[in-house]
Amino acid sequence: MTERRIPQEPVALLLAGLLAPEPPATPALDGPGDRQPVQRPHLAEVDARIEAVLAVADEPLPLPSLAAAVDRPVAVVRQAVERLRDDYDGRGGGRRRGFELREVAGGWRLYARPEHDETIRALADAEAPARLSQAALETLAVIAYRQPVTRGQVAAIRAVSVDSVLRTLVARGLVTEVGRSEETGAVLYGTTGALLEALGIRSIGELPPLAPLLAGAEAAHAHAG
C-alpha cells in the first residue's frame, strides 16, 4: 500500500495553531513509557509577558529582542504586539488607553499619548529638582572652564567661600574629584558627563568662549592653592 504523505503547511499556519483552544490534559497512566502532555502558554499569557517587558523597557525593543525575552517565535510576537497596540487604541470595543504602543527606531515602546503632554509636563515640573542658585551656577562655570581646579582656586576666582556650593554640585552629580594637585596635594575638581548631557554638548570643548568674562582670573588660578 502506498504510504500517504501529509502535506507540508506554511509556517504561518502552524503558528496559527496557537489560536486553537488547549486540548484537554490526558490522564496520567502507570508505566515508564507514558508521555506527559506538553503545556504551551495561551495567547493571553504571551501578551501579558510582552506587555511586562515593554513596561520596563527604557528604549525601543525590536521584535527579535522581545521574542528572546518571552521565548516565542518572532511571528508570534509580531501578532501579539499588534494585538496589544489595537487593544490600547480601543479597537474592538475596548477602552482607549492614555498610552500607546508605537514602533520607532526599529523597535516597539510604550509612550504617553500626545494629547496628555500637558499633564506629563506638569508632573515633570513638580518632580524636577530645585534650580541651582546663582552662586552654584557661577562656581560651576569656573570649574567647567578652569578644570581641573582646586577648591582654593575656585574660591580665589569668586572671592568667596565655595565649600557648601561645591558640596551641592558634587551631590547633584555635576562635579566630581578628578585627582590631586602635584604641588599642594589639594583635591582637583572637574565636571561630569551629567553636565554635558544637561547642556546637550559632546565635550567641554564645545562650551561657548566665555573665559574672557572671568577678568583677573588667570592670576588667581595660577597662585591659589
Protein backbone atom coordinates (compact mmCIF):
# COMPACT_ATOMS: atom_id res chain seq x y z
CA MET A 1 0.00 0.00 0.00
CA THR A 2 1.32 3.40 -0.94
CA GLU A 3 2.16 5.50 2.10
CA ARG A 4 0.06 8.65 2.33
CA ARG A 5 2.21 11.75 2.89
CA ILE A 6 0.99 14.65 4.97
CA PRO A 7 1.29 17.93 3.01
CA GLN A 8 3.70 20.49 4.45
CA GLU A 9 1.82 23.52 5.82
CA PRO A 10 3.31 27.02 5.78
CA VAL A 11 4.91 28.21 9.00
CA ALA A 12 2.19 30.82 9.42
CA LEU A 13 -0.49 28.12 9.52
CA LEU A 14 1.50 26.09 12.01
CA LEU A 15 1.81 29.13 14.27
CA ALA A 16 -1.92 29.70 13.90
CA GLY A 17 -2.34 26.52 15.93
CA LEU A 18 -1.75 28.74 18.95
CA LEU A 19 -5.22 30.16 18.35
CA ALA A 20 -6.82 26.79 18.97
CA PRO A 21 -8.01 26.03 22.49
CA GLU A 22 -5.75 23.93 24.66
CA PRO A 23 -6.53 20.19 24.32
CA PRO A 24 -7.71 18.50 27.47
CA ALA A 25 -4.92 17.01 29.51
CA THR A 26 -4.51 13.29 29.08
CA PRO A 27 -4.84 11.41 32.35
CA ALA A 28 -1.53 10.07 33.57
CA LEU A 29 -1.05 6.35 33.04
CA ASP A 30 1.06 3.98 35.02
CA GLY A 31 4.22 2.92 33.30
CA PRO A 32 7.65 4.33 32.43
CA GLY A 33 6.73 4.94 28.81
CA ASP A 34 3.79 7.24 29.44
CA ARG A 35 4.06 10.68 27.84
CA GLN A 36 3.09 13.82 29.70
CA PRO A 37 1.16 16.48 27.72
CA VAL A 38 3.23 19.48 26.64
CA GLN A 39 1.85 22.70 28.10
CA ARG A 40 2.05 25.79 25.88
CA PRO A 41 1.26 29.30 27.09
CA HIS A 42 -2.08 30.74 26.00
CA LEU A 43 -2.08 33.82 23.83
CA ALA A 44 -3.23 35.92 26.78
CA GLU A 45 -0.17 34.83 28.75
CA VAL A 46 2.16 35.61 25.83
CA ASP A 47 0.58 39.05 25.52
CA ALA A 48 1.00 39.63 29.26
CA ARG A 49 4.68 38.69 29.14
CA ILE A 50 5.39 41.03 26.26
CA GLU A 51 3.41 43.78 27.98
CA ALA A 52 5.54 43.37 31.11
CA VAL A 53 8.77 43.63 29.13
CA LEU A 54 7.56 46.74 27.29
CA ALA A 55 6.53 48.36 30.57
CA VAL A 56 10.09 48.31 31.93
CA ALA A 57 11.95 49.00 28.69
CA ASP A 58 13.80 52.33 28.53
CA GLU A 59 14.36 52.14 24.77
CA PRO A 60 12.52 50.71 21.75
CA LEU A 61 12.77 46.91 21.60
CA PRO A 62 12.96 45.15 18.21
CA LEU A 63 10.85 42.06 17.66
CA PRO A 64 13.80 39.61 17.93
CA SER A 65 14.64 41.01 21.38
CA LEU A 66 11.05 40.65 22.52
CA ALA A 67 10.93 37.13 21.11
CA ALA A 68 14.08 36.18 23.00
CA ALA A 69 12.71 37.67 26.22
CA VAL A 70 9.47 35.65 26.13
CA ASP A 71 10.93 32.61 24.36
CA ARG A 72 8.46 32.63 21.49
CA PRO A 73 8.88 32.83 17.69
CA VAL A 74 9.15 36.27 16.13
CA ALA A 75 5.96 35.70 14.11
CA VAL A 76 4.02 35.00 17.30
CA VAL A 77 5.47 38.08 18.98
CA ARG A 78 4.58 40.25 15.98
CA GLN A 79 0.96 39.14 16.25
CA ALA A 80 0.98 39.78 20.00
CA VAL A 81 2.39 43.28 19.54
CA GLU A 82 -0.32 44.08 17.02
CA ARG A 83 -2.99 42.78 19.39
CA LEU A 84 -1.63 44.93 22.23
CA ARG A 85 -1.48 48.00 20.01
CA ASP A 86 -5.07 47.52 18.90
CA ASP A 87 -6.16 46.93 22.49
CA TYR A 88 -4.52 50.16 23.70
CA ASP A 89 -6.12 52.06 20.81
CA GLY A 90 -9.57 50.84 21.86
CA ARG A 91 -10.22 48.83 18.74
CA GLY A 92 -12.73 46.06 19.14
CA GLY A 93 -14.87 47.94 21.62
CA GLY A 94 -12.32 48.28 24.42
CA ARG A 95 -11.30 51.44 26.28
CA ARG A 96 -8.73 53.67 24.61
CA ARG A 97 -5.76 53.95 26.95
CA GLY A 98 -3.79 57.04 27.87
CA PHE A 99 -0.69 55.42 26.38
CA GLU A 100 0.06 53.80 23.05
CA LEU A 101 2.40 51.19 21.64
CA ARG A 102 4.48 52.86 18.98
CA GLU A 103 7.06 51.49 16.53
CA VAL A 104 10.10 53.77 16.43
CA ALA A 105 13.76 53.33 15.51
CA GLY A 106 13.25 49.72 14.51
CA GLY A 107 11.62 48.72 17.79
CA TRP A 108 8.49 48.97 19.92
CA ARG A 109 7.98 51.08 23.04
CA LEU A 110 5.14 52.41 25.19
CA TYR A 111 4.53 56.18 25.00
CA ALA A 112 2.06 58.56 26.62
CA ARG A 113 -0.34 59.90 24.02
CA PRO A 114 0.44 63.41 22.72
CA GLU A 115 -2.88 64.79 24.00
CA HIS A 116 -1.63 64.22 27.55
CA ASP A 117 1.63 66.18 27.13
CA GLU A 118 0.41 68.97 29.41
CA THR A 119 -0.32 66.55 32.23
CA ILE A 120 3.05 64.82 31.84
CA ARG A 121 4.83 68.18 31.77
CA ALA A 122 3.11 69.23 35.00
CA LEU A 123 4.32 66.06 36.70
CA ALA A 124 7.86 66.56 35.42
CA ASP A 125 7.90 70.15 36.67
CA ALA A 126 6.62 69.08 40.09
CA GLU A 127 9.32 66.43 40.47
CA ALA A 128 12.15 68.48 38.99
CA PRO A 129 14.94 69.22 41.46
CA ALA A 130 15.35 72.78 42.72
CA ARG A 131 17.20 75.08 40.35
CA LEU A 132 20.82 75.88 41.04
CA SER A 133 21.45 79.14 42.81
CA GLN A 134 23.37 81.94 41.15
CA ALA A 135 26.37 81.13 43.34
CA ALA A 136 26.24 77.48 42.27
CA LEU A 137 25.99 78.43 38.59
CA GLU A 138 28.98 80.76 38.88
CA THR A 139 31.02 78.10 40.68
CA LEU A 140 30.04 75.51 38.10
CA ALA A 141 31.10 77.85 35.29
CA VAL A 142 34.52 78.42 36.89
CA ILE A 143 35.08 74.68 37.27
CA ALA A 144 33.90 73.96 33.74
CA TYR A 145 36.26 76.46 32.16
CA ARG A 146 39.26 76.02 34.50
CA GLN A 147 39.20 72.30 35.24
CA PRO A 148 40.96 70.56 36.77
CA VAL A 149 40.83 73.13 39.54
CA THR A 150 41.12 73.11 43.33
CA ARG A 151 38.57 74.46 45.75
CA GLY A 152 41.01 77.22 46.72
CA GLN A 153 41.42 78.30 43.12
CA VAL A 154 37.66 78.49 42.64
CA ALA A 155 37.28 80.49 45.86
CA ALA A 156 40.04 82.89 44.77
CA ILE A 157 38.34 83.50 41.43
CA ARG A 158 34.93 84.09 43.03
CA ALA A 159 36.37 85.89 46.06
CA VAL A 160 34.02 83.98 48.39
CA SER A 161 33.96 80.62 50.15
CA VAL A 162 32.66 77.86 47.90
CA ASP A 163 32.60 74.94 50.36
CA SER A 164 28.81 74.48 50.59
CA VAL A 165 28.24 75.29 46.92
CA LEU A 166 30.87 72.75 45.88
CA ARG A 167 29.23 70.09 48.04
CA THR A 168 25.91 70.82 46.33
CA LEU A 169 27.43 70.45 42.87
CA VAL A 170 29.07 67.16 43.85
CA ALA A 171 25.79 65.89 45.31
CA ARG A 172 23.98 66.81 42.09
CA GLY A 173 26.49 64.76 40.12
CA LEU A 174 27.65 67.77 38.08
CA VAL A 175 31.14 67.96 39.62
CA THR A 176 33.47 65.25 40.86
CA GLU A 177 37.01 64.74 42.16
CA VAL A 178 39.43 64.07 39.32
CA GLY A 179 42.76 63.90 41.13
CA ARG A 180 45.12 65.88 43.34
CA SER A 181 47.41 68.81 42.70
CA GLU A 182 51.06 67.75 42.39
CA GLU A 183 52.17 70.98 44.07
CA THR A 184 49.84 71.22 47.06
CA GLY A 185 48.09 67.85 47.23
CA ALA A 186 44.73 69.63 47.15
CA VAL A 187 41.80 67.83 45.56
CA LEU A 188 41.19 68.72 41.93
CA TYR A 189 37.64 69.02 40.66
CA GLY A 190 36.14 68.68 37.19
CA THR A 191 32.75 68.38 35.57
CA THR A 192 30.98 65.11 34.81
CA GLY A 193 29.13 63.65 31.87
CA ALA A 194 25.88 64.70 33.53
CA LEU A 195 26.75 68.34 32.84
CA LEU A 196 27.44 67.58 29.18
CA GLU A 197 24.09 65.82 28.95
CA ALA A 198 22.30 68.71 30.62
CA LEU A 199 23.90 71.21 28.24
CA GLY A 200 23.41 69.00 25.19
CA ILE A 201 27.08 69.03 24.17
CA ARG A 202 29.58 66.27 23.47
CA SER A 203 32.61 67.73 25.25
CA ILE A 204 33.74 70.68 27.32
CA GLY A 205 35.45 71.97 24.19
CA GLU A 206 32.02 72.88 22.82
CA LEU A 207 31.38 75.41 25.59
CA PRO A 208 30.94 78.97 24.30
CA PRO A 209 34.02 81.24 24.65
CA LEU A 210 33.08 82.84 27.97
CA ALA A 211 36.50 82.63 29.60
CA PRO A 212 37.35 86.29 28.80
CA LEU A 213 34.49 87.30 31.11
CA LEU A 214 36.45 85.96 34.07
CA ALA A 215 38.59 89.09 34.33
CA GLY A 216 41.65 88.71 36.51
CA ALA A 217 41.08 85.02 36.90
CA GLU A 218 44.37 83.95 35.36
CA ALA A 219 46.48 85.25 38.22
CA ALA A 220 44.21 83.74 40.86
CA HIS A 221 44.18 80.42 39.04
CA ALA A 222 47.95 80.35 38.91
CA HIS A 223 48.66 81.28 42.53
CA ALA A 224 45.75 79.98 44.59
CA GLY A 225 46.30 76.65 46.32
